[in-house]
Structures are given as structure tokens and as C-alpha cells.
């Protein structure tokens, strides 16, 4: 089986995952409506909110909390599916390299994780700002595009390092329910090792800069990727 066909299969499978797509649609709609009502209420001083507005505010708070959880659970769910359905063993048996499949799976999961952030966070925020005041939306976009390269790198590679730890946790636990504990353990170990090895590079624990933080994230990504590949190559699927 060609590697491109495997990637297309991953895209097709994720695009037809109706449960997750419906959940995303629900959170997106609630985030937009709830955000509009909150901004509208903030403009009306000395007015007691109605029961409907209070209920929508509570639903909006729940939706925001649920969105944060979903953004973490969604890539985990996509990554563990092939372990759960025994698809991975069938693909490997068809001649697909484990290392190649690892990067295809990571790439597809990363792509849909970015789309989930866009649909559940960025798009609702822009719609709420536009409905409230177009100038606020323009200021938000201007602020976003004016972020310097260092800060953008810290945000991007910080998220990628968290993503790589999650994927490694899924592989180590074979997608089982205790993946979250493996992820927390990897996060703690990474943070502790960072403080231990800092003096080797002539840095104190409190010294930091965008370049140093980006390098730490890149090392984390590389180490987690190496662990994931080595474990996957030896796993009995």
C-alpha cells in the first residue's frame, strides 16, 4: 500500500467521524452564541440579566471548559483509534513501514488538531468580535500578525511539544485509558530534566529567553519522536 493512500485513508476516516464532528459543531455554535450574549450584556450597564441570559452564560462557561478538554481529547481519540480497532496491525501486515506510518498518523492527527483549534477558538472569537465591534476584530488580527517571530515560535513549538508528548503517551500505553497518567508523567519528567540539564549549558534555573525556550521545545519534540518510533518498531501489534 502506498504511503499517500494511507494518508488519504486517515483524512477520509477523520472527516467521516460524525460523533466528533457533531461535538465540534455543537461547541462552535455555543461558543459563538454565548460569546455574543456575554459581550452584549457587558455593554448594558445596571441591567439585571434575564433568566435566559443567565442560562446561556452558564452554558457558555460549560462550553468553554468542554472545548479545552475536547482540544486535548480529540487528538488522543484519533491516535488511539487504530490501536482500539486493530487497524494498525493490518496496515503493518500489508507492507507499510512502522516509521512511515508513524509520521503519516502524526501528520494527519496534527492537521485535524489545528483545524479543531481554528473552528472552536479562532473562528468563534473572530465572529464574536466582528458582531460586537469590527474595529476590535481588526485590532485582534493586527495584534496577531504583529506577534514577533520569537513569541510565535514559543507558542507554536510549545504546543507541538505537548502534542508530541501526548502521541508518545498513546504509543507507550497502546491507547488505553491510563494514557493521561503517562502524559502527565512525561510532562513532569520533561520539566524536571530541563532544570537538571540547564547548568550543563551555563544557565541558571531562572534564566530564560525565547531562543532557550524554543530549543527546549525542539529537544522535547525530538526525544519524544525518537521514543515513539523506537517503541512502535518493537511493539507486538
C-alpha atoms as a PDB file:
ATOM      1  CA  UNK A   1       0.000   0.000   0.000  1.00  0.00           C
ATOM      2  CA  UNK A   2       1.323   3.430  -0.966  1.00  0.00           C
ATOM      3  CA  UNK A   3       2.047   5.925   1.776  1.00  0.00           C
ATOM      4  CA  UNK A   4      -0.104   8.547   0.062  1.00  0.00           C
ATOM      5  CA  UNK A   5      -3.063   6.169   0.176  1.00  0.00           C
ATOM      6  CA  UNK A   6      -2.541   5.667   3.908  1.00  0.00           C
ATOM      7  CA  UNK A   7      -2.613   9.435   4.425  1.00  0.00           C
ATOM      8  CA  UNK A   8      -5.773   9.742   2.322  1.00  0.00           C
ATOM      9  CA  UNK A   9      -7.319   6.951   4.370  1.00  0.00           C
ATOM     10  CA  UNK A  10      -6.554   8.847   7.586  1.00  0.00           C
ATOM     11  CA  UNK A  11      -8.096  12.026   6.178  1.00  0.00           C
ATOM     12  CA  UNK A  12     -11.195  10.158   4.981  1.00  0.00           C
ATOM     13  CA  UNK A  13     -11.620   8.426   8.330  1.00  0.00           C
ATOM     14  CA  UNK A  14     -11.321  11.647  10.347  1.00  0.00           C
ATOM     15  CA  UNK A  15     -13.594  13.629   8.021  1.00  0.00           C
ATOM     16  CA  UNK A  16     -16.332  10.993   8.405  1.00  0.00           C
ATOM     17  CA  UNK A  17     -16.072  10.729  12.191  1.00  0.00           C
ATOM     18  CA  UNK A  18     -19.606  12.006  12.740  1.00  0.00           C
ATOM     19  CA  UNK A  19     -19.534  11.899  16.550  1.00  0.00           C
ATOM     20  CA  UNK A  20     -16.508  14.160  16.909  1.00  0.00           C
ATOM     21  CA  UNK A  21     -17.667  16.430  14.073  1.00  0.00           C
ATOM     22  CA  UNK A  22     -21.074  16.896  15.720  1.00  0.00           C
ATOM     23  CA  UNK A  23     -19.399  17.636  19.062  1.00  0.00           C
ATOM     24  CA  UNK A  24     -17.199  20.244  17.387  1.00  0.00           C
ATOM     25  CA  UNK A  25     -20.208  21.800  15.669  1.00  0.00           C
ATOM     26  CA  UNK A  26     -22.105  21.986  18.975  1.00  0.00           C
ATOM     27  CA  UNK A  27     -19.210  23.605  20.833  1.00  0.00           C
ATOM     28  CA  UNK A  28     -18.612  26.063  17.982  1.00  0.00           C
ATOM     29  CA  UNK A  29     -22.253  27.199  17.880  1.00  0.00           C
ATOM     30  CA  UNK A  30     -22.491  27.558  21.678  1.00  0.00           C
ATOM     31  CA  UNK A  31     -19.184  29.437  21.827  1.00  0.00           C
ATOM     32  CA  UNK A  32     -20.382  31.893  19.184  1.00  0.00           C
ATOM     33  CA  UNK A  33     -23.866  32.484  20.643  1.00  0.00           C
ATOM     34  CA  UNK A  34     -22.638  32.560  24.235  1.00  0.00           C
ATOM     35  CA  UNK A  35     -19.823  34.943  23.390  1.00  0.00           C
ATOM     36  CA  UNK A  36     -22.224  37.300  21.623  1.00  0.00           C
ATOM     37  CA  UNK A  37     -24.591  37.340  24.612  1.00  0.00           C
ATOM     38  CA  UNK A  38     -21.758  37.962  27.079  1.00  0.00           C
ATOM     39  CA  UNK A  39     -20.415  40.904  25.072  1.00  0.00           C
ATOM     40  CA  UNK A  40     -23.941  42.297  24.658  1.00  0.00           C
ATOM     41  CA  UNK A  41     -24.609  42.089  28.401  1.00  0.00           C
ATOM     42  CA  UNK A  42     -21.287  43.798  29.127  1.00  0.00           C
ATOM     43  CA  UNK A  43     -22.468  46.812  27.113  1.00  0.00           C
ATOM     44  CA  UNK A  44     -25.724  47.161  29.040  1.00  0.00           C
ATOM     45  CA  UNK A  45     -24.925  48.631  32.445  1.00  0.00           C
ATOM     46  CA  UNK A  46     -27.172  48.432  35.503  1.00  0.00           C
ATOM     47  CA  UNK A  47     -29.491  45.892  33.908  1.00  0.00           C
ATOM     48  CA  UNK A  48     -30.275  42.626  35.628  1.00  0.00           C
ATOM     49  CA  UNK A  49     -29.746  39.783  33.141  1.00  0.00           C
ATOM     50  CA  UNK A  50     -32.748  37.682  32.248  1.00  0.00           C
ATOM     51  CA  UNK A  51     -33.107  34.027  33.149  1.00  0.00           C
ATOM     52  CA  UNK A  52     -32.337  33.064  29.560  1.00  0.00           C
ATOM     53  CA  UNK A  53     -29.165  35.142  29.590  1.00  0.00           C
ATOM     54  CA  UNK A  54     -28.054  33.572  32.863  1.00  0.00           C
ATOM     55  CA  UNK A  55     -28.690  30.101  31.473  1.00  0.00           C
ATOM     56  CA  UNK A  56     -26.778  30.947  28.285  1.00  0.00           C
ATOM     57  CA  UNK A  57     -23.885  32.350  30.321  1.00  0.00           C
ATOM     58  CA  UNK A  58     -23.706  29.097  32.315  1.00  0.00           C
ATOM     59  CA  UNK A  59     -23.922  27.067  29.117  1.00  0.00           C
ATOM     60  CA  UNK A  60     -21.198  29.223  27.570  1.00  0.00           C
ATOM     61  CA  UNK A  61     -18.930  28.664  30.590  1.00  0.00           C
ATOM     62  CA  UNK A  62     -19.531  24.925  30.329  1.00  0.00           C
ATOM     63  CA  UNK A  63     -18.839  25.056  26.594  1.00  0.00           C
ATOM     64  CA  UNK A  64     -15.520  26.863  27.082  1.00  0.00           C
ATOM     65  CA  UNK A  65     -14.485  24.296  29.691  1.00  0.00           C
ATOM     66  CA  UNK A  66     -15.633  21.480  27.412  1.00  0.00           C
ATOM     67  CA  UNK A  67     -13.769  22.978  24.461  1.00  0.00           C
ATOM     68  CA  UNK A  68     -10.490  22.974  26.398  1.00  0.00           C
ATOM     69  CA  UNK A  69     -10.986  19.313  27.299  1.00  0.00           C
ATOM     70  CA  UNK A  70     -12.042  18.402  23.763  1.00  0.00           C
ATOM     71  CA  UNK A  71      -8.940  20.024  22.237  1.00  0.00           C
ATOM     72  CA  UNK A  72      -6.895  17.594  24.348  1.00  0.00           C
ATOM     73  CA  UNK A  73      -9.132  14.525  23.975  1.00  0.00           C
ATOM     74  CA  UNK A  74      -9.669  14.880  20.206  1.00  0.00           C
ATOM     75  CA  UNK A  75      -6.062  14.127  19.098  1.00  0.00           C
ATOM     76  CA  UNK A  76      -5.868  11.391  21.740  1.00  0.00           C
ATOM     77  CA  UNK A  77      -9.044   9.812  20.368  1.00  0.00           C
ATOM     78  CA  UNK A  78      -7.735   9.956  16.796  1.00  0.00           C
ATOM     79  CA  UNK A  79      -4.367   8.483  17.776  1.00  0.00           C
ATOM     80  CA  UNK A  80      -5.799   5.587  19.804  1.00  0.00           C
ATOM     81  CA  UNK A  81      -8.417   4.547  17.235  1.00  0.00           C
ATOM     82  CA  UNK A  82      -6.047   2.305  15.278  1.00  0.00           C
ATOM     83  CA  UNK A  83      -4.941   0.531  18.456  1.00  0.00           C
ATOM     84  CA  UNK A  84      -8.550   0.025  19.511  1.00  0.00           C
ATOM     85  CA  UNK A  85      -9.779  -1.228  16.113  1.00  0.00           C
ATOM     86  CA  UNK A  86      -6.655  -3.293  15.332  1.00  0.00           C
ATOM     87  CA  UNK A  87      -6.214  -1.280  12.125  1.00  0.00           C
ATOM     88  CA  UNK A  88      -2.540  -0.621  12.777  1.00  0.00           C
ATOM     89  CA  UNK A  89      -1.603  -4.320  12.794  1.00  0.00           C
ATOM     90  CA  UNK A  90      -3.450  -4.848   9.494  1.00  0.00           C
ATOM     91  CA  UNK A  91      -1.649  -1.904   7.861  1.00  0.00           C
ATOM     92  CA  UNK A  92       1.740  -3.115   9.044  1.00  0.00           C
ATOM     93  CA  UNK A  93       0.930  -6.578   7.702  1.00  0.00           C
ATOM     94  CA  UNK A  94       0.138  -5.018   4.309  1.00  0.00           C
ATOM     95  CA  UNK A  95       3.727  -3.818   3.979  1.00  0.00           C
ATOM     96  CA  UNK A  96       3.584  -0.289   5.384  1.00  0.00           C
ATOM     97  CA  UNK A  97       6.677   0.651   7.377  1.00  0.00           C
ATOM     98  CA  UNK A  98       6.021   1.376  11.036  1.00  0.00           C
ATOM     99  CA  UNK A  99       8.178   4.506  10.900  1.00  0.00           C
ATOM    100  CA  UNK A 100       6.397   5.740   7.788  1.00  0.00           C
ATOM    101  CA  UNK A 101       3.018   5.026   9.328  1.00  0.00           C
ATOM    102  CA  UNK A 102       4.090   6.862  12.498  1.00  0.00           C
ATOM    103  CA  UNK A 103       4.766  10.083  10.592  1.00  0.00           C
ATOM    104  CA  UNK A 104       1.609   9.741   8.478  1.00  0.00           C
ATOM    105  CA  UNK A 105      -0.522   9.219  11.568  1.00  0.00           C
ATOM    106  CA  UNK A 106       1.128  12.092  13.420  1.00  0.00           C
ATOM    107  CA  UNK A 107       0.727  14.371  10.395  1.00  0.00           C
ATOM    108  CA  UNK A 108      -2.976  13.608   9.938  1.00  0.00           C
ATOM    109  CA  UNK A 109      -3.688  13.959  13.664  1.00  0.00           C
ATOM    110  CA  UNK A 110      -1.759  17.236  13.805  1.00  0.00           C
ATOM    111  CA  UNK A 111      -3.679  18.610  10.817  1.00  0.00           C
ATOM    112  CA  UNK A 112      -7.074  17.892  12.349  1.00  0.00           C
ATOM    113  CA  UNK A 113      -5.941  19.195  15.740  1.00  0.00           C
ATOM    114  CA  UNK A 114      -5.073  22.523  14.101  1.00  0.00           C
ATOM    115  CA  UNK A 115      -8.461  22.566  12.369  1.00  0.00           C
ATOM    116  CA  UNK A 116     -10.206  21.935  15.702  1.00  0.00           C
ATOM    117  CA  UNK A 117      -8.402  24.912  17.262  1.00  0.00           C
ATOM    118  CA  UNK A 118      -9.366  27.050  14.270  1.00  0.00           C
ATOM    119  CA  UNK A 119     -13.050  26.051  14.403  1.00  0.00           C
ATOM    120  CA  UNK A 120     -13.517  26.049  18.178  1.00  0.00           C
ATOM    121  CA  UNK A 121     -11.361  29.000  19.251  1.00  0.00           C
ATOM    122  CA  UNK A 122     -10.198  31.314  16.460  1.00  0.00           C
ATOM    123  CA  UNK A 123     -13.358  31.367  14.319  1.00  0.00           C
ATOM    124  CA  UNK A 124     -15.834  31.896  17.218  1.00  0.00           C
ATOM    125  CA  UNK A 125     -13.608  34.620  18.674  1.00  0.00           C
ATOM    126  CA  UNK A 126     -13.473  36.464  15.346  1.00  0.00           C
ATOM    127  CA  UNK A 127     -17.238  36.186  14.843  1.00  0.00           C
ATOM    128  CA  UNK A 128     -17.928  37.490  18.355  1.00  0.00           C
ATOM    129  CA  UNK A 129     -15.523  40.408  17.895  1.00  0.00           C
ATOM    130  CA  UNK A 130     -16.986  41.272  14.483  1.00  0.00           C
ATOM    131  CA  UNK A 131     -20.547  41.179  15.846  1.00  0.00           C
ATOM    132  CA  UNK A 132     -19.528  43.401  18.765  1.00  0.00           C
ATOM    133  CA  UNK A 133     -17.262  45.868  17.001  1.00  0.00           C
ATOM    134  CA  UNK A 134     -15.487  45.449  13.693  1.00  0.00           C
ATOM    135  CA  UNK A 135     -12.605  47.599  14.923  1.00  0.00           C
ATOM    136  CA  UNK A 136     -11.942  45.086  17.743  1.00  0.00           C
ATOM    137  CA  UNK A 137     -11.727  42.270  15.222  1.00  0.00           C
ATOM    138  CA  UNK A 138      -9.305  44.273  13.115  1.00  0.00           C
ATOM    139  CA  UNK A 139      -7.214  45.092  16.192  1.00  0.00           C
ATOM    140  CA  UNK A 140      -7.148  41.399  17.110  1.00  0.00           C
ATOM    141  CA  UNK A 141      -5.969  40.452  13.611  1.00  0.00           C
ATOM    142  CA  UNK A 142      -3.421  43.259  13.638  1.00  0.00           C
ATOM    143  CA  UNK A 143      -2.125  42.127  17.030  1.00  0.00           C
ATOM    144  CA  UNK A 144      -1.932  38.527  15.775  1.00  0.00           C
ATOM    145  CA  UNK A 145       0.095  39.441  12.693  1.00  0.00           C
ATOM    146  CA  UNK A 146       2.366  41.729  14.724  1.00  0.00           C
ATOM    147  CA  UNK A 147       3.491  38.959  17.082  1.00  0.00           C
ATOM    148  CA  UNK A 148       7.270  38.741  16.779  1.00  0.00           C
ATOM    149  CA  UNK A 149       8.914  35.587  15.491  1.00  0.00           C
ATOM    150  CA  UNK A 150      10.292  34.620  18.910  1.00  0.00           C
ATOM    151  CA  UNK A 151       6.935  34.731  20.668  1.00  0.00           C
ATOM    152  CA  UNK A 152       5.246  32.921  17.783  1.00  0.00           C
ATOM    153  CA  UNK A 153       7.945  30.241  17.915  1.00  0.00           C
ATOM    154  CA  UNK A 154       7.447  29.755  21.659  1.00  0.00           C
ATOM    155  CA  UNK A 155       3.680  29.334  21.190  1.00  0.00           C
ATOM    156  CA  UNK A 156       3.977  27.043  18.149  1.00  0.00           C
ATOM    157  CA  UNK A 157       6.742  24.762  19.411  1.00  0.00           C
ATOM    158  CA  UNK A 158       5.263  24.749  22.921  1.00  0.00           C
ATOM    159  CA  UNK A 159       2.045  23.348  21.514  1.00  0.00           C
ATOM    160  CA  UNK A 160       3.959  20.893  19.307  1.00  0.00           C
ATOM    161  CA  UNK A 161       5.955  19.641  22.303  1.00  0.00           C
ATOM    162  CA  UNK A 162       2.722  19.000  24.240  1.00  0.00           C
ATOM    163  CA  UNK A 163       1.307  17.263  21.168  1.00  0.00           C
ATOM    164  CA  UNK A 164       4.421  15.075  20.799  1.00  0.00           C
ATOM    165  CA  UNK A 165       4.228  14.047  24.465  1.00  0.00           C
ATOM    166  CA  UNK A 166       0.566  13.105  24.024  1.00  0.00           C
ATOM    167  CA  UNK A 167       1.313  10.993  20.945  1.00  0.00           C
ATOM    168  CA  UNK A 168       4.196   9.278  22.737  1.00  0.00           C
ATOM    169  CA  UNK A 169       1.935   8.590  25.709  1.00  0.00           C
ATOM    170  CA  UNK A 170      -0.624   6.998  23.378  1.00  0.00           C
ATOM    171  CA  UNK A 171       2.045   4.715  21.890  1.00  0.00           C
ATOM    172  CA  UNK A 172       3.503   3.754  25.280  1.00  0.00           C
ATOM    173  CA  UNK A 173       0.067   2.918  26.695  1.00  0.00           C
ATOM    174  CA  UNK A 174      -1.284   1.475  23.406  1.00  0.00           C
ATOM    175  CA  UNK A 175      -4.148   3.958  23.580  1.00  0.00           C
ATOM    176  CA  UNK A 176      -5.546   2.633  26.852  1.00  0.00           C
ATOM    177  CA  UNK A 177      -7.426   4.697  29.425  1.00  0.00           C
ATOM    178  CA  UNK A 178      -4.329   5.407  31.536  1.00  0.00           C
ATOM    179  CA  UNK A 179      -2.755   7.400  28.687  1.00  0.00           C
ATOM    180  CA  UNK A 180      -3.474  10.619  30.601  1.00  0.00           C
ATOM    181  CA  UNK A 181      -1.316   9.436  33.514  1.00  0.00           C
ATOM    182  CA  UNK A 182       1.533   8.549  31.147  1.00  0.00           C
ATOM    183  CA  UNK A 183       1.203  12.001  29.581  1.00  0.00           C
ATOM    184  CA  UNK A 184       1.334  13.705  32.987  1.00  0.00           C
ATOM    185  CA  UNK A 185       4.367  11.594  33.901  1.00  0.00           C
ATOM    186  CA  UNK A 186       6.169  12.570  30.695  1.00  0.00           C
ATOM    187  CA  UNK A 187       5.342  16.238  31.308  1.00  0.00           C
ATOM    188  CA  UNK A 188       6.723  16.126  34.848  1.00  0.00           C
ATOM    189  CA  UNK A 189       9.844  14.243  33.750  1.00  0.00           C
ATOM    190  CA  UNK A 190      10.468  16.728  30.929  1.00  0.00           C
ATOM    191  CA  UNK A 191      10.155  19.747  33.205  1.00  0.00           C
ATOM    192  CA  UNK A 192      12.436  18.201  35.828  1.00  0.00           C
ATOM    193  CA  UNK A 193      15.089  17.223  33.285  1.00  0.00           C
ATOM    194  CA  UNK A 194      15.010  20.767  31.928  1.00  0.00           C
ATOM    195  CA  UNK A 195      16.046  22.182  35.298  1.00  0.00           C
ATOM    196  CA  UNK A 196      18.657  19.447  35.814  1.00  0.00           C
ATOM    197  CA  UNK A 197      20.432  19.958  32.477  1.00  0.00           C
ATOM    198  CA  UNK A 198      20.281  23.768  32.427  1.00  0.00           C
ATOM    199  CA  UNK A 199      23.517  24.155  34.482  1.00  0.00           C
ATOM    200  CA  UNK A 200      25.357  21.992  31.909  1.00  0.00           C
ATOM    201  CA  UNK A 201      24.802  24.786  29.390  1.00  0.00           C
ATOM    202  CA  UNK A 202      25.854  27.504  31.826  1.00  0.00           C
ATOM    203  CA  UNK A 203      22.284  28.589  32.568  1.00  0.00           C
ATOM    204  CA  UNK A 204      20.657  29.210  35.931  1.00  0.00           C
ATOM    205  CA  UNK A 205      17.154  27.843  36.535  1.00  0.00           C
ATOM    206  CA  UNK A 206      15.639  31.332  36.310  1.00  0.00           C
ATOM    207  CA  UNK A 207      17.384  32.388  33.094  1.00  0.00           C
ATOM    208  CA  UNK A 208      15.171  32.233  30.035  1.00  0.00           C
ATOM    209  CA  UNK A 209      14.613  33.735  26.610  1.00  0.00           C
ATOM    210  CA  UNK A 210      12.562  32.887  23.554  1.00  0.00           C
ATOM    211  CA  UNK A 211      15.534  31.146  21.952  1.00  0.00           C
ATOM    212  CA  UNK A 212      16.198  28.991  25.020  1.00  0.00           C
ATOM    213  CA  UNK A 213      12.530  28.043  25.383  1.00  0.00           C
ATOM    214  CA  UNK A 214      12.262  27.156  21.682  1.00  0.00           C
ATOM    215  CA  UNK A 215      15.385  24.985  21.930  1.00  0.00           C
ATOM    216  CA  UNK A 216      13.899  23.187  24.934  1.00  0.00           C
ATOM    217  CA  UNK A 217      10.701  22.506  22.993  1.00  0.00           C
ATOM    218  CA  UNK A 218      12.638  21.282  19.953  1.00  0.00           C
ATOM    219  CA  UNK A 219      14.651  18.879  22.100  1.00  0.00           C
ATOM    220  CA  UNK A 220      11.448  17.625  23.705  1.00  0.00           C
ATOM    221  CA  UNK A 221       9.855  17.062  20.281  1.00  0.00           C
ATOM    222  CA  UNK A 222      12.927  15.205  19.008  1.00  0.00           C
ATOM    223  CA  UNK A 223      13.221  12.998  22.105  1.00  0.00           C
ATOM    224  CA  UNK A 224       9.509  12.175  22.185  1.00  0.00           C
ATOM    225  CA  UNK A 225       9.541  11.393  18.467  1.00  0.00           C
ATOM    226  CA  UNK A 226      12.542   9.083  18.891  1.00  0.00           C
ATOM    227  CA  UNK A 227      10.922   7.284  21.828  1.00  0.00           C
ATOM    228  CA  UNK A 228       7.676   6.886  19.882  1.00  0.00           C
ATOM    229  CA  UNK A 229       9.455   5.430  16.839  1.00  0.00           C
ATOM    230  CA  UNK A 230      11.625   3.037  18.860  1.00  0.00           C
ATOM    231  CA  UNK A 231       8.696   1.756  20.905  1.00  0.00           C
ATOM    232  CA  UNK A 232       6.413   1.410  17.882  1.00  0.00           C
ATOM    233  CA  UNK A 233       9.057  -0.572  15.961  1.00  0.00           C
ATOM    234  CA  UNK A 234       9.250  -3.163  18.762  1.00  0.00           C
ATOM    235  CA  UNK A 235       5.600  -3.327  19.763  1.00  0.00           C
ATOM    236  CA  UNK A 236       3.743  -6.554  19.199  1.00  0.00           C
ATOM    237  CA  UNK A 237       0.719  -5.274  17.268  1.00  0.00           C
END
